[in-house]
Every structure is written in C-alpha cells, then in structure tokens.
Amino acid sequence: MTSPMILHEYTASGNCYKIRLTAALLGLPVERREYDILKGETRTPEFLHEVNANGRIPVLQIGERFLPESSAACFYLAEGTRLVPEDRFDKADMLRWMFFEQYNHEPNVATLRFWLAYVGEERLSEAQKAQVGAKRAAGDAALKLMDEHLADQDWFAGGRFSLADIALYAYTHVAEEGGFDLAAYPAVGRWLARVAAAPGYIGIDA
C-alpha cells in the first residue's frame, strides 16, 4: 500500500473506530479527517459530490479513490495479514461474523448507544422511542449469541484474533452507553479484555 490513506470519520463512531483499530494493529499510517454528523457535515453538497454520495461515514480514501463501508475498508487494510485467516472456510466464517455485526448487532447495540448517549432520550422522535424496547431485546439477543459462542473459545473465527473480533469489539465494548448490561455476558467480558490486550491496540478516543 503505497498510496496515502485518509479516513473520513466521526471519532465517536464504532464503525470508524474499526478502521482506525485495524490500521493501528497493523502499524499502517492513516490521516484522519473529522466530520460532525450531528451538524450534518456529511450531507453537504461538497461531501456528497467528493467523498460519498450516500452521505455516510466512514470512508477510507486511498489516493484518489474512495472506499465506503467499514467492513470493506477493514478488509482492504488487512487482506494478506494475520487478521484474515488463510483457510477458505475460516475466512468465510470471519465474514459471517462481520455480516452478523452489521445486520444483527450494529442496528441495535450501536443505534441505542447513539440515540441515548449522543442524541438524548428526550430528543428522540416518537417513532424512535417506540423502537427502543425492540432494539434492546434484539441487541441483548445478539450479545447472548456472542456470549454462547465465546464460552468455549477465545475468538470468533479460525481460532485466532481476526477482523471478526475487531468488527464486533467496536460497538460491544461501549454497549453500556446504550443501556446494555455487559456483566450479564461474562464470556464477552473476557473476550473484550483479550482484544484490549492485543499489541498495537488503541482505544476509541485515541
């Protein structure tokens, strides 16, 4: 990777953190460009035209090319490294857990964190307030499934630390900001400690 890389991001976002953490673990330099999503800075004509027509972050810029979606950016950084299993099944299993994170975990755990810790419960729309209970139940179901998986193994795929762990760590380790009780998931708690002990680890605020 010889092209300079720029991460267009919002620091508090777990999706952006996944990319920063992947780069840090691999010792890859990434310049950071911050946008305040609460002020609509990813919805400006300039951002939509120059960075991502979908109006969302993170976006990893590689030279003059732009790669939206956190999982795609993490895979770009990590392909061919220790964070991606070589075995065909293990690699697919890693992707399975990354898809699970985006479809089952993030829409519930991350959404409640954003609504409660950043927007504020009193500022939620009536439609959002009506979804809180269902999202809490779905988030707890995702955490329970993770806890059961981790009860007898250290990592999510291939028997080793991989992008699957990074993807799931990002929003799980701050889930209590969304009102989730991580103490109810002891295997998840032990796994969180293992991830945080990885050489090169950085926190979400770093």
N, C-alpha and C. Protein backbone atom coordinates (compact mmCIF):
# COMPACT_ATOMS: atom_id res chain seq x y z
N MET A 1 0.85 -1.18 0.00
CA MET A 1 0.00 0.00 0.00
C MET A 1 0.89 1.24 0.00
N THR A 2 1.08 1.83 -1.17
CA THR A 2 1.94 2.99 -1.27
C THR A 2 1.15 4.29 -1.32
N SER A 3 -0.12 4.24 -1.70
CA SER A 3 -0.93 5.45 -1.77
C SER A 3 -1.25 5.95 -0.37
N PRO A 4 -1.20 7.26 -0.15
CA PRO A 4 -1.57 7.78 1.17
C PRO A 4 -3.04 7.51 1.45
N MET A 5 -3.36 7.27 2.72
CA MET A 5 -4.73 6.94 3.09
C MET A 5 -5.28 7.99 4.04
N ILE A 6 -6.53 8.37 3.80
CA ILE A 6 -7.24 9.33 4.63
C ILE A 6 -8.53 8.69 5.09
N LEU A 7 -8.79 8.74 6.38
CA LEU A 7 -10.04 8.23 6.91
C LEU A 7 -10.98 9.40 7.17
N HIS A 8 -12.07 9.45 6.43
CA HIS A 8 -13.11 10.43 6.65
C HIS A 8 -14.03 9.85 7.72
N GLU A 9 -14.12 10.51 8.88
CA GLU A 9 -14.73 9.84 10.01
C GLU A 9 -15.39 10.78 11.00
N TYR A 10 -16.07 10.16 11.96
CA TYR A 10 -16.61 10.80 13.17
C TYR A 10 -16.06 9.97 14.31
N THR A 11 -15.19 10.54 15.13
CA THR A 11 -14.39 9.78 16.09
C THR A 11 -15.22 8.86 16.98
N ALA A 12 -16.38 9.31 17.43
CA ALA A 12 -17.18 8.52 18.37
C ALA A 12 -17.83 7.31 17.72
N SER A 13 -17.83 7.25 16.41
CA SER A 13 -18.47 6.14 15.70
C SER A 13 -17.66 4.85 15.81
N GLY A 14 -18.33 3.78 16.22
CA GLY A 14 -17.67 2.48 16.26
C GLY A 14 -17.27 2.00 14.88
N ASN A 15 -18.06 2.33 13.87
CA ASN A 15 -17.71 1.92 12.51
C ASN A 15 -16.42 2.57 12.05
N CYS A 16 -16.21 3.83 12.43
CA CYS A 16 -14.95 4.49 12.10
C CYS A 16 -13.80 3.92 12.93
N TYR A 17 -14.10 3.63 14.17
CA TYR A 17 -13.09 3.06 15.08
C TYR A 17 -12.56 1.73 14.57
N LYS A 18 -13.41 0.92 13.97
CA LYS A 18 -12.95 -0.37 13.42
C LYS A 18 -11.77 -0.17 12.48
N ILE A 19 -11.87 0.83 11.65
CA ILE A 19 -10.83 1.07 10.66
C ILE A 19 -9.57 1.58 11.33
N ARG A 20 -9.72 2.53 12.26
CA ARG A 20 -8.55 3.03 12.99
C ARG A 20 -7.86 1.92 13.76
N LEU A 21 -8.65 1.04 14.40
CA LEU A 21 -8.07 -0.04 15.18
C LEU A 21 -7.35 -1.03 14.28
N THR A 22 -7.95 -1.37 13.15
CA THR A 22 -7.31 -2.28 12.21
C THR A 22 -5.97 -1.71 11.75
N ALA A 23 -5.97 -0.44 11.38
CA ALA A 23 -4.73 0.20 10.93
C ALA A 23 -3.69 0.23 12.04
N ALA A 24 -4.11 0.53 13.26
CA ALA A 24 -3.16 0.59 14.39
C ALA A 24 -2.55 -0.77 14.66
N LEU A 25 -3.36 -1.81 14.64
CA LEU A 25 -2.86 -3.16 14.91
C LEU A 25 -1.86 -3.61 13.85
N LEU A 26 -2.00 -3.07 12.65
CA LEU A 26 -1.11 -3.45 11.56
C LEU A 26 0.01 -2.43 11.34
N GLY A 27 0.03 -1.36 12.14
CA GLY A 27 1.07 -0.36 12.01
C GLY A 27 0.99 0.45 10.74
N LEU A 28 -0.23 0.67 10.24
CA LEU A 28 -0.42 1.40 8.99
C LEU A 28 -0.79 2.86 9.27
N PRO A 29 -0.11 3.80 8.67
CA PRO A 29 -0.44 5.22 8.90
C PRO A 29 -1.70 5.63 8.14
N VAL A 30 -2.59 6.29 8.83
CA VAL A 30 -3.83 6.79 8.22
C VAL A 30 -4.07 8.21 8.71
N GLU A 31 -4.18 9.14 7.79
CA GLU A 31 -4.55 10.51 8.14
C GLU A 31 -6.05 10.54 8.45
N ARG A 32 -6.44 11.38 9.39
CA ARG A 32 -7.84 11.43 9.81
C ARG A 32 -8.47 12.77 9.46
N ARG A 33 -9.70 12.72 8.95
CA ARG A 33 -10.45 13.93 8.64
C ARG A 33 -11.81 13.82 9.32
N GLU A 34 -12.09 14.73 10.24
CA GLU A 34 -13.26 14.63 11.11
C GLU A 34 -14.46 15.39 10.55
N TYR A 35 -15.66 14.77 10.72
CA TYR A 35 -16.92 15.39 10.35
C TYR A 35 -17.87 15.24 11.53
N ASP A 36 -18.66 16.26 11.79
CA ASP A 36 -19.65 16.19 12.85
C ASP A 36 -20.98 15.79 12.25
N ILE A 37 -21.36 14.53 12.45
CA ILE A 37 -22.61 14.06 11.84
C ILE A 37 -23.82 14.70 12.49
N LEU A 38 -23.70 15.15 13.74
CA LEU A 38 -24.82 15.81 14.41
C LEU A 38 -25.10 17.18 13.81
N LYS A 39 -24.12 17.73 13.12
CA LYS A 39 -24.30 19.02 12.45
C LYS A 39 -24.53 18.86 10.95
N GLY A 40 -24.68 17.61 10.49
CA GLY A 40 -24.97 17.38 9.08
C GLY A 40 -23.80 17.58 8.14
N GLU A 41 -22.58 17.46 8.66
CA GLU A 41 -21.41 17.74 7.82
C GLU A 41 -21.14 16.69 6.75
N THR A 42 -21.81 15.54 6.83
CA THR A 42 -21.67 14.54 5.75
C THR A 42 -22.81 14.65 4.75
N ARG A 43 -23.63 15.68 4.89
CA ARG A 43 -24.76 15.87 3.97
C ARG A 43 -24.58 17.12 3.11
N THR A 44 -23.42 17.73 3.18
CA THR A 44 -23.18 18.93 2.38
C THR A 44 -22.97 18.54 0.91
N PRO A 45 -23.24 19.44 -0.01
CA PRO A 45 -23.01 19.13 -1.42
C PRO A 45 -21.57 18.71 -1.70
N GLU A 46 -20.62 19.33 -0.98
CA GLU A 46 -19.20 19.00 -1.20
C GLU A 46 -18.91 17.56 -0.80
N PHE A 47 -19.40 17.14 0.37
CA PHE A 47 -19.17 15.78 0.82
C PHE A 47 -19.84 14.78 -0.11
N LEU A 48 -21.09 15.05 -0.46
CA LEU A 48 -21.83 14.12 -1.31
C LEU A 48 -21.19 13.99 -2.68
N HIS A 49 -20.62 15.05 -3.18
CA HIS A 49 -20.01 15.02 -4.51
C HIS A 49 -18.60 14.45 -4.48
N GLU A 50 -17.83 14.80 -3.44
CA GLU A 50 -16.41 14.47 -3.44
C GLU A 50 -16.04 13.21 -2.66
N VAL A 51 -16.85 12.85 -1.63
CA VAL A 51 -16.45 11.75 -0.74
C VAL A 51 -17.38 10.55 -0.85
N ASN A 52 -18.66 10.75 -0.59
CA ASN A 52 -19.59 9.62 -0.61
C ASN A 52 -21.00 10.12 -0.92
N ALA A 53 -21.51 9.74 -2.07
CA ALA A 53 -22.84 10.17 -2.49
C ALA A 53 -23.92 9.65 -1.56
N ASN A 54 -23.59 8.65 -0.75
CA ASN A 54 -24.54 8.09 0.21
C ASN A 54 -24.62 8.93 1.49
N GLY A 55 -23.72 9.89 1.62
CA GLY A 55 -23.76 10.81 2.74
C GLY A 55 -23.42 10.19 4.09
N ARG A 56 -22.59 9.14 4.07
CA ARG A 56 -22.28 8.45 5.32
C ARG A 56 -20.78 8.26 5.48
N ILE A 57 -20.38 8.12 6.73
CA ILE A 57 -19.00 7.78 7.05
C ILE A 57 -19.03 6.50 7.88
N PRO A 58 -17.92 5.77 7.93
CA PRO A 58 -16.59 6.11 7.44
C PRO A 58 -16.43 5.91 5.94
N VAL A 59 -15.44 6.62 5.42
CA VAL A 59 -14.96 6.41 4.05
C VAL A 59 -13.45 6.40 4.12
N LEU A 60 -12.84 5.36 3.59
CA LEU A 60 -11.38 5.29 3.54
C LEU A 60 -10.95 5.74 2.15
N GLN A 61 -10.19 6.82 2.11
CA GLN A 61 -9.67 7.33 0.84
C GLN A 61 -8.28 6.78 0.62
N ILE A 62 -8.10 6.11 -0.51
CA ILE A 62 -6.80 5.55 -0.87
C ILE A 62 -6.33 6.27 -2.12
N GLY A 63 -5.39 7.19 -1.97
CA GLY A 63 -5.01 8.02 -3.09
C GLY A 63 -6.19 8.86 -3.53
N GLU A 64 -6.63 8.68 -4.76
CA GLU A 64 -7.78 9.42 -5.28
C GLU A 64 -9.05 8.59 -5.28
N ARG A 65 -8.99 7.37 -4.74
CA ARG A 65 -10.18 6.50 -4.72
C ARG A 65 -10.80 6.47 -3.33
N PHE A 66 -12.10 6.28 -3.29
CA PHE A 66 -12.85 6.33 -2.04
C PHE A 66 -13.56 5.00 -1.80
N LEU A 67 -13.40 4.47 -0.58
CA LEU A 67 -13.99 3.18 -0.22
C LEU A 67 -14.90 3.34 0.99
N PRO A 68 -16.22 3.43 0.77
CA PRO A 68 -17.15 3.49 1.90
C PRO A 68 -17.33 2.11 2.52
N GLU A 69 -18.04 2.09 3.66
CA GLU A 69 -18.41 0.88 4.40
C GLU A 69 -17.22 0.36 5.22
N SER A 70 -17.43 0.27 6.52
CA SER A 70 -16.35 -0.08 7.44
C SER A 70 -15.77 -1.46 7.20
N SER A 71 -16.61 -2.43 6.92
CA SER A 71 -16.09 -3.79 6.72
C SER A 71 -15.22 -3.88 5.47
N ALA A 72 -15.64 -3.19 4.42
CA ALA A 72 -14.85 -3.19 3.18
C ALA A 72 -13.50 -2.52 3.42
N ALA A 73 -13.51 -1.41 4.16
CA ALA A 73 -12.25 -0.71 4.43
C ALA A 73 -11.32 -1.55 5.30
N CYS A 74 -11.88 -2.21 6.31
CA CYS A 74 -11.06 -3.07 7.16
C CYS A 74 -10.45 -4.20 6.35
N PHE A 75 -11.24 -4.78 5.46
CA PHE A 75 -10.72 -5.89 4.65
C PHE A 75 -9.63 -5.40 3.71
N TYR A 76 -9.79 -4.21 3.15
CA TYR A 76 -8.74 -3.65 2.30
C TYR A 76 -7.43 -3.54 3.06
N LEU A 77 -7.50 -3.05 4.28
CA LEU A 77 -6.29 -2.87 5.08
C LEU A 77 -5.65 -4.20 5.48
N ALA A 78 -6.49 -5.20 5.76
CA ALA A 78 -5.99 -6.41 6.42
C ALA A 78 -5.77 -7.61 5.51
N GLU A 79 -6.25 -7.56 4.28
CA GLU A 79 -6.08 -8.73 3.42
C GLU A 79 -4.59 -9.08 3.28
N GLY A 80 -4.29 -10.36 3.46
CA GLY A 80 -2.91 -10.82 3.38
C GLY A 80 -2.13 -10.68 4.66
N THR A 81 -2.81 -10.28 5.75
CA THR A 81 -2.15 -10.13 7.04
C THR A 81 -2.67 -11.17 8.03
N ARG A 82 -2.15 -11.14 9.23
CA ARG A 82 -2.56 -12.09 10.26
C ARG A 82 -4.01 -11.91 10.68
N LEU A 83 -4.63 -10.80 10.33
CA LEU A 83 -6.01 -10.53 10.75
C LEU A 83 -7.05 -11.18 9.84
N VAL A 84 -6.61 -11.81 8.75
CA VAL A 84 -7.52 -12.51 7.84
C VAL A 84 -7.04 -13.95 7.71
N PRO A 85 -7.85 -14.92 8.13
CA PRO A 85 -7.43 -16.32 8.04
C PRO A 85 -7.13 -16.73 6.60
N GLU A 86 -6.17 -17.61 6.44
CA GLU A 86 -5.83 -18.11 5.11
C GLU A 86 -6.77 -19.23 4.68
N ASP A 87 -7.21 -20.05 5.63
CA ASP A 87 -8.11 -21.15 5.31
C ASP A 87 -9.41 -20.61 4.72
N ARG A 88 -9.89 -21.24 3.67
CA ARG A 88 -11.07 -20.74 2.96
C ARG A 88 -12.31 -20.71 3.85
N PHE A 89 -12.55 -21.77 4.60
CA PHE A 89 -13.72 -21.80 5.48
C PHE A 89 -13.58 -20.76 6.60
N ASP A 90 -12.39 -20.70 7.21
CA ASP A 90 -12.19 -19.75 8.30
C ASP A 90 -12.37 -18.31 7.84
N LYS A 91 -11.92 -18.02 6.60
CA LYS A 91 -12.10 -16.67 6.07
C LYS A 91 -13.58 -16.37 5.87
N ALA A 92 -14.32 -17.34 5.34
CA ALA A 92 -15.77 -17.16 5.16
C ALA A 92 -16.46 -17.02 6.51
N ASP A 93 -15.99 -17.77 7.50
CA ASP A 93 -16.58 -17.68 8.84
C ASP A 93 -16.31 -16.31 9.45
N MET A 94 -15.13 -15.77 9.21
CA MET A 94 -14.83 -14.41 9.64
C MET A 94 -15.82 -13.42 9.02
N LEU A 95 -16.05 -13.57 7.72
CA LEU A 95 -17.00 -12.69 7.04
C LEU A 95 -18.41 -12.88 7.58
N ARG A 96 -18.76 -14.10 7.92
CA ARG A 96 -20.08 -14.38 8.51
C ARG A 96 -20.30 -13.54 9.76
N TRP A 97 -19.30 -13.50 10.64
CA TRP A 97 -19.44 -12.73 11.86
C TRP A 97 -19.43 -11.23 11.58
N MET A 98 -18.73 -10.79 10.55
CA MET A 98 -18.77 -9.38 10.17
C MET A 98 -20.13 -8.99 9.62
N PHE A 99 -20.75 -9.91 8.87
CA PHE A 99 -22.11 -9.66 8.39
C PHE A 99 -23.09 -9.66 9.56
N PHE A 100 -22.91 -10.58 10.49
CA PHE A 100 -23.76 -10.62 11.69
C PHE A 100 -23.68 -9.30 12.44
N GLU A 101 -22.48 -8.77 12.55
CA GLU A 101 -22.31 -7.49 13.25
C GLU A 101 -23.11 -6.39 12.58
N GLN A 102 -23.07 -6.34 11.26
CA GLN A 102 -23.76 -5.26 10.56
C GLN A 102 -25.28 -5.45 10.50
N TYR A 103 -25.74 -6.68 10.50
CA TYR A 103 -27.18 -6.94 10.34
C TYR A 103 -27.92 -7.18 11.65
N ASN A 104 -27.25 -7.75 12.65
CA ASN A 104 -27.92 -8.12 13.90
C ASN A 104 -27.46 -7.30 15.10
N HIS A 105 -26.21 -6.94 15.11
CA HIS A 105 -25.60 -6.29 16.27
C HIS A 105 -25.65 -4.77 16.16
N GLU A 106 -25.03 -4.23 15.14
CA GLU A 106 -24.89 -2.78 14.98
C GLU A 106 -26.23 -2.04 14.92
N PRO A 107 -27.24 -2.54 14.19
CA PRO A 107 -28.50 -1.80 14.11
C PRO A 107 -29.21 -1.66 15.45
N ASN A 108 -28.83 -2.46 16.41
CA ASN A 108 -29.48 -2.44 17.72
C ASN A 108 -28.56 -1.86 18.80
N VAL A 109 -27.41 -2.47 18.99
CA VAL A 109 -26.48 -2.01 20.03
C VAL A 109 -25.96 -0.61 19.72
N ALA A 110 -25.51 -0.40 18.49
CA ALA A 110 -24.95 0.91 18.12
C ALA A 110 -26.03 1.97 18.05
N THR A 111 -27.19 1.62 17.53
CA THR A 111 -28.26 2.61 17.41
C THR A 111 -28.71 3.11 18.76
N LEU A 112 -28.89 2.21 19.74
CA LEU A 112 -29.29 2.66 21.07
C LEU A 112 -28.21 3.51 21.72
N ARG A 113 -26.97 3.15 21.52
CA ARG A 113 -25.88 3.99 22.05
C ARG A 113 -25.95 5.39 21.48
N PHE A 114 -26.15 5.50 20.18
CA PHE A 114 -26.21 6.81 19.55
C PHE A 114 -27.43 7.59 20.03
N TRP A 115 -28.58 6.94 20.07
CA TRP A 115 -29.80 7.62 20.49
C TRP A 115 -29.70 8.12 21.93
N LEU A 116 -29.22 7.25 22.84
CA LEU A 116 -29.24 7.60 24.25
C LEU A 116 -28.05 8.44 24.70
N ALA A 117 -26.86 8.15 24.16
CA ALA A 117 -25.66 8.85 24.63
C ALA A 117 -25.33 10.10 23.83
N TYR A 118 -25.82 10.20 22.59
CA TYR A 118 -25.43 11.33 21.75
C TYR A 118 -26.61 12.21 21.35
N VAL A 119 -27.73 11.61 21.01
CA VAL A 119 -28.91 12.40 20.67
C VAL A 119 -29.63 12.84 21.94
N GLY A 120 -29.82 11.88 22.87
CA GLY A 120 -30.53 12.16 24.12
C GLY A 120 -31.96 11.65 24.04
N GLU A 121 -32.36 10.87 25.04
CA GLU A 121 -33.68 10.24 25.01
C GLU A 121 -34.79 11.27 24.86
N GLU A 122 -34.63 12.42 25.49
CA GLU A 122 -35.67 13.43 25.45
C GLU A 122 -35.83 14.05 24.06
N ARG A 123 -34.83 13.86 23.20
CA ARG A 123 -34.88 14.44 21.85
C ARG A 123 -35.24 13.42 20.78
N LEU A 124 -35.51 12.20 21.18
CA LEU A 124 -35.90 11.18 20.21
C LEU A 124 -37.31 11.46 19.70
N SER A 125 -37.54 11.09 18.44
CA SER A 125 -38.89 11.20 17.89
C SER A 125 -39.77 10.13 18.52
N GLU A 126 -41.06 10.27 18.37
CA GLU A 126 -41.98 9.27 18.90
C GLU A 126 -41.74 7.92 18.23
N ALA A 127 -41.42 7.94 16.95
CA ALA A 127 -41.15 6.69 16.23
C ALA A 127 -39.91 6.01 16.79
N GLN A 128 -38.87 6.80 17.10
CA GLN A 128 -37.65 6.23 17.68
C GLN A 128 -37.93 5.67 19.08
N LYS A 129 -38.66 6.42 19.89
CA LYS A 129 -38.98 5.95 21.24
C LYS A 129 -39.74 4.62 21.19
N ALA A 130 -40.58 4.47 20.20
CA ALA A 130 -41.36 3.23 20.07
C ALA A 130 -40.49 2.03 19.71
N GLN A 131 -39.29 2.30 19.17
CA GLN A 131 -38.40 1.21 18.76
C GLN A 131 -37.41 0.78 19.83
N VAL A 132 -37.29 1.56 20.91
CA VAL A 132 -36.25 1.31 21.91
C VAL A 132 -36.37 -0.09 22.50
N GLY A 133 -37.55 -0.50 22.89
CA GLY A 133 -37.72 -1.81 23.51
C GLY A 133 -37.32 -2.95 22.58
N ALA A 134 -37.74 -2.88 21.34
CA ALA A 134 -37.42 -3.93 20.37
C ALA A 134 -35.93 -3.96 20.08
N LYS A 135 -35.32 -2.80 19.98
CA LYS A 135 -33.88 -2.76 19.71
C LYS A 135 -33.08 -3.27 20.91
N ARG A 136 -33.57 -3.01 22.12
CA ARG A 136 -32.88 -3.53 23.30
C ARG A 136 -32.96 -5.05 23.32
N ALA A 137 -34.12 -5.60 23.02
CA ALA A 137 -34.28 -7.05 23.01
C ALA A 137 -33.41 -7.69 21.93
N ALA A 138 -33.38 -7.08 20.75
CA ALA A 138 -32.57 -7.62 19.66
C ALA A 138 -31.08 -7.49 19.97
N GLY A 139 -30.68 -6.38 20.60
CA GLY A 139 -29.28 -6.22 20.99
C GLY A 139 -28.86 -7.24 22.03
N ASP A 140 -29.72 -7.48 23.01
CA ASP A 140 -29.41 -8.49 24.02
C ASP A 140 -29.34 -9.88 23.40
N ALA A 141 -30.18 -10.15 22.41
CA ALA A 141 -30.13 -11.44 21.73
C ALA A 141 -28.80 -11.62 21.01
N ALA A 142 -28.31 -10.55 20.39
CA ALA A 142 -27.01 -10.62 19.70
C ALA A 142 -25.88 -10.84 20.70
N LEU A 143 -25.92 -10.13 21.82
CA LEU A 143 -24.88 -10.30 22.85
C LEU A 143 -24.93 -11.70 23.46
N LYS A 144 -26.12 -12.24 23.64
CA LYS A 144 -26.27 -13.59 24.18
C LYS A 144 -25.67 -14.62 23.23
N LEU A 145 -25.94 -14.46 21.94
CA LEU A 145 -25.37 -15.39 20.95
C LEU A 145 -23.84 -15.30 20.97
N MET A 146 -23.31 -14.10 21.06
CA MET A 146 -21.86 -13.94 21.14
C MET A 146 -21.30 -14.60 22.39
N ASP A 147 -21.98 -14.41 23.51
CA ASP A 147 -21.52 -14.97 24.77
C ASP A 147 -21.48 -16.50 24.71
N GLU A 148 -22.51 -17.08 24.11
CA GLU A 148 -22.55 -18.54 23.97
C GLU A 148 -21.42 -19.04 23.08
N HIS A 149 -21.14 -18.32 22.01
CA HIS A 149 -20.06 -18.71 21.10
C HIS A 149 -18.70 -18.64 21.80
N LEU A 150 -18.52 -17.61 22.62
CA LEU A 150 -17.23 -17.38 23.29
C LEU A 150 -17.06 -18.20 24.57
N ALA A 151 -18.08 -18.91 24.97
CA ALA A 151 -18.00 -19.68 26.22
C ALA A 151 -16.90 -20.73 26.17
N ASP A 152 -16.63 -21.27 24.98
CA ASP A 152 -15.61 -22.33 24.89
C ASP A 152 -14.54 -22.05 23.84
N GLN A 153 -14.42 -20.80 23.42
CA GLN A 153 -13.34 -20.43 22.50
C GLN A 153 -12.99 -18.96 22.68
N ASP A 154 -11.76 -18.63 22.37
CA ASP A 154 -11.26 -17.28 22.64
C ASP A 154 -11.67 -16.25 21.60
N TRP A 155 -11.82 -16.68 20.35
CA TRP A 155 -12.05 -15.75 19.25
C TRP A 155 -13.23 -16.18 18.40
N PHE A 156 -13.63 -15.34 17.48
CA PHE A 156 -14.84 -15.64 16.72
C PHE A 156 -14.62 -16.54 15.52
N ALA A 157 -13.47 -16.47 14.88
CA ALA A 157 -13.29 -17.27 13.65
C ALA A 157 -11.86 -17.76 13.54
N GLY A 158 -11.71 -18.99 13.08
CA GLY A 158 -10.39 -19.53 12.78
C GLY A 158 -9.50 -19.78 13.97
N GLY A 159 -10.05 -19.70 15.19
CA GLY A 159 -9.26 -19.96 16.38
C GLY A 159 -8.22 -18.89 16.68
N ARG A 160 -8.39 -17.70 16.09
CA ARG A 160 -7.40 -16.64 16.33
C ARG A 160 -8.05 -15.28 16.15
N PHE A 161 -7.36 -14.27 16.63
CA PHE A 161 -7.82 -12.89 16.51
C PHE A 161 -7.91 -12.50 15.04
N SER A 162 -9.05 -11.95 14.63
CA SER A 162 -9.25 -11.60 13.23
C SER A 162 -10.13 -10.36 13.11
N LEU A 163 -10.42 -9.99 11.87
CA LEU A 163 -11.31 -8.85 11.64
C LEU A 163 -12.68 -9.06 12.25
N ALA A 164 -13.10 -10.30 12.41
CA ALA A 164 -14.39 -10.56 13.05
C ALA A 164 -14.40 -10.01 14.46
N ASP A 165 -13.31 -10.17 15.17
CA ASP A 165 -13.22 -9.66 16.54
C ASP A 165 -13.19 -8.14 16.56
N ILE A 166 -12.47 -7.54 15.63
CA ILE A 166 -12.42 -6.08 15.57
C ILE A 166 -13.80 -5.52 15.28
N ALA A 167 -14.50 -6.11 14.31
CA ALA A 167 -15.83 -5.63 13.94
C ALA A 167 -16.80 -5.68 15.11
N LEU A 168 -16.77 -6.79 15.84
CA LEU A 168 -17.71 -6.95 16.95
C LEU A 168 -17.27 -6.19 18.21
N TYR A 169 -15.98 -5.99 18.36
CA TYR A 169 -15.49 -5.27 19.53
C TYR A 169 -15.93 -3.81 19.54
N ALA A 170 -15.92 -3.20 18.37
CA ALA A 170 -16.08 -1.74 18.28
C ALA A 170 -17.29 -1.22 19.03
N TYR A 171 -18.44 -1.81 18.80
CA TYR A 171 -19.65 -1.34 19.49
C TYR A 171 -19.96 -2.13 20.76
N THR A 172 -19.43 -3.35 20.88
CA THR A 172 -19.70 -4.12 22.10
C THR A 172 -19.04 -3.48 23.31
N HIS A 173 -17.82 -3.01 23.17
CA HIS A 173 -17.10 -2.52 24.35
C HIS A 173 -17.68 -1.21 24.89
N VAL A 174 -18.52 -0.55 24.09
CA VAL A 174 -19.19 0.67 24.57
C VAL A 174 -20.70 0.47 24.65
N ALA A 175 -21.14 -0.78 24.68
CA ALA A 175 -22.58 -1.08 24.67
C ALA A 175 -23.30 -0.53 25.89
N GLU A 176 -22.59 -0.41 27.02
CA GLU A 176 -23.24 0.10 28.22
C GLU A 176 -23.68 1.55 28.06
N GLU A 177 -23.08 2.27 27.12
CA GLU A 177 -23.53 3.64 26.84
C GLU A 177 -24.94 3.63 26.24
N GLY A 178 -25.36 2.50 25.73
CA GLY A 178 -26.70 2.34 25.20
C GLY A 178 -27.63 1.63 26.16
N GLY A 179 -27.16 1.43 27.39
CA GLY A 179 -28.00 0.82 28.41
C GLY A 179 -27.93 -0.68 28.51
N PHE A 180 -26.98 -1.32 27.80
CA PHE A 180 -26.84 -2.77 27.87
C PHE A 180 -25.96 -3.14 29.07
N ASP A 181 -26.27 -4.24 29.71
CA ASP A 181 -25.53 -4.70 30.88
C ASP A 181 -24.53 -5.77 30.47
N LEU A 182 -23.29 -5.38 30.26
CA LEU A 182 -22.27 -6.33 29.81
C LEU A 182 -21.92 -7.35 30.89
N ALA A 183 -22.20 -7.04 32.14
CA ALA A 183 -21.93 -8.01 33.22
C ALA A 183 -22.76 -9.27 33.06
N ALA A 184 -23.82 -9.18 32.29
CA ALA A 184 -24.67 -10.35 32.05
C ALA A 184 -24.04 -11.32 31.04
N TYR A 185 -22.93 -10.91 30.44
CA TYR A 185 -22.29 -11.73 29.41
C TYR A 185 -20.82 -11.93 29.76
N PRO A 186 -20.51 -12.83 30.69
CA PRO A 186 -19.14 -12.97 31.20
C PRO A 186 -18.14 -13.40 30.14
N ALA A 187 -18.54 -14.26 29.21
CA ALA A 187 -17.59 -14.68 28.17
C ALA A 187 -17.25 -13.51 27.26
N VAL A 188 -18.23 -12.68 26.99
CA VAL A 188 -17.98 -11.47 26.22
C VAL A 188 -17.02 -10.56 26.97
N GLY A 189 -17.20 -10.44 28.27
CA GLY A 189 -16.30 -9.61 29.07
C GLY A 189 -14.86 -10.08 29.00
N ARG A 190 -14.65 -11.38 29.08
CA ARG A 190 -13.28 -11.91 29.00
C ARG A 190 -12.68 -11.66 27.61
N TRP A 191 -13.51 -11.81 26.60
CA TRP A 191 -13.06 -11.56 25.22
C TRP A 191 -12.70 -10.09 25.01
N LEU A 192 -13.49 -9.18 25.56
CA LEU A 192 -13.18 -7.76 25.46
C LEU A 192 -11.79 -7.47 26.03
N ALA A 193 -11.46 -8.11 27.15
CA ALA A 193 -10.14 -7.92 27.76
C ALA A 193 -9.04 -8.46 26.86
N ARG A 194 -9.29 -9.58 26.19
CA ARG A 194 -8.27 -10.14 25.29
C ARG A 194 -8.01 -9.20 24.12
N VAL A 195 -9.08 -8.64 23.55
CA VAL A 195 -8.90 -7.71 22.44
C VAL A 195 -8.09 -6.49 22.89
N ALA A 196 -8.45 -5.94 24.05
CA ALA A 196 -7.78 -4.74 24.55
C ALA A 196 -6.31 -4.98 24.87
N ALA A 197 -5.93 -6.24 25.03
CA ALA A 197 -4.53 -6.58 25.34
C ALA A 197 -3.70 -6.83 24.09
N ALA A 198 -4.31 -6.74 22.91
CA ALA A 198 -3.59 -7.03 21.67
C ALA A 198 -2.51 -5.97 21.42
N PRO A 199 -1.31 -6.38 21.00
CA PRO A 199 -0.25 -5.41 20.70
C PRO A 199 -0.70 -4.41 19.63
N GLY A 200 -0.49 -3.15 19.90
CA GLY A 200 -0.88 -2.11 18.95
C GLY A 200 -2.27 -1.56 19.19
N TYR A 201 -2.99 -2.12 20.15
CA TYR A 201 -4.36 -1.69 20.44
C TYR A 201 -4.42 -0.20 20.76
N ILE A 202 -5.47 0.45 20.25
CA ILE A 202 -5.78 1.83 20.63
C ILE A 202 -7.25 1.90 21.03
N GLY A 203 -7.58 2.82 21.92
CA GLY A 203 -8.95 3.00 22.35
C GLY A 203 -9.75 3.82 21.35
N ILE A 204 -11.06 3.85 21.52
CA ILE A 204 -11.93 4.54 20.58
C ILE A 204 -11.69 6.04 20.58
N ASP A 205 -11.18 6.59 21.67
CA ASP A 205 -10.93 8.03 21.75
C ASP A 205 -9.52 8.42 21.34
N ALA A 206 -8.72 7.43 20.98
CA ALA A 206 -7.31 7.73 20.64
C ALA A 206 -7.20 8.46 19.31
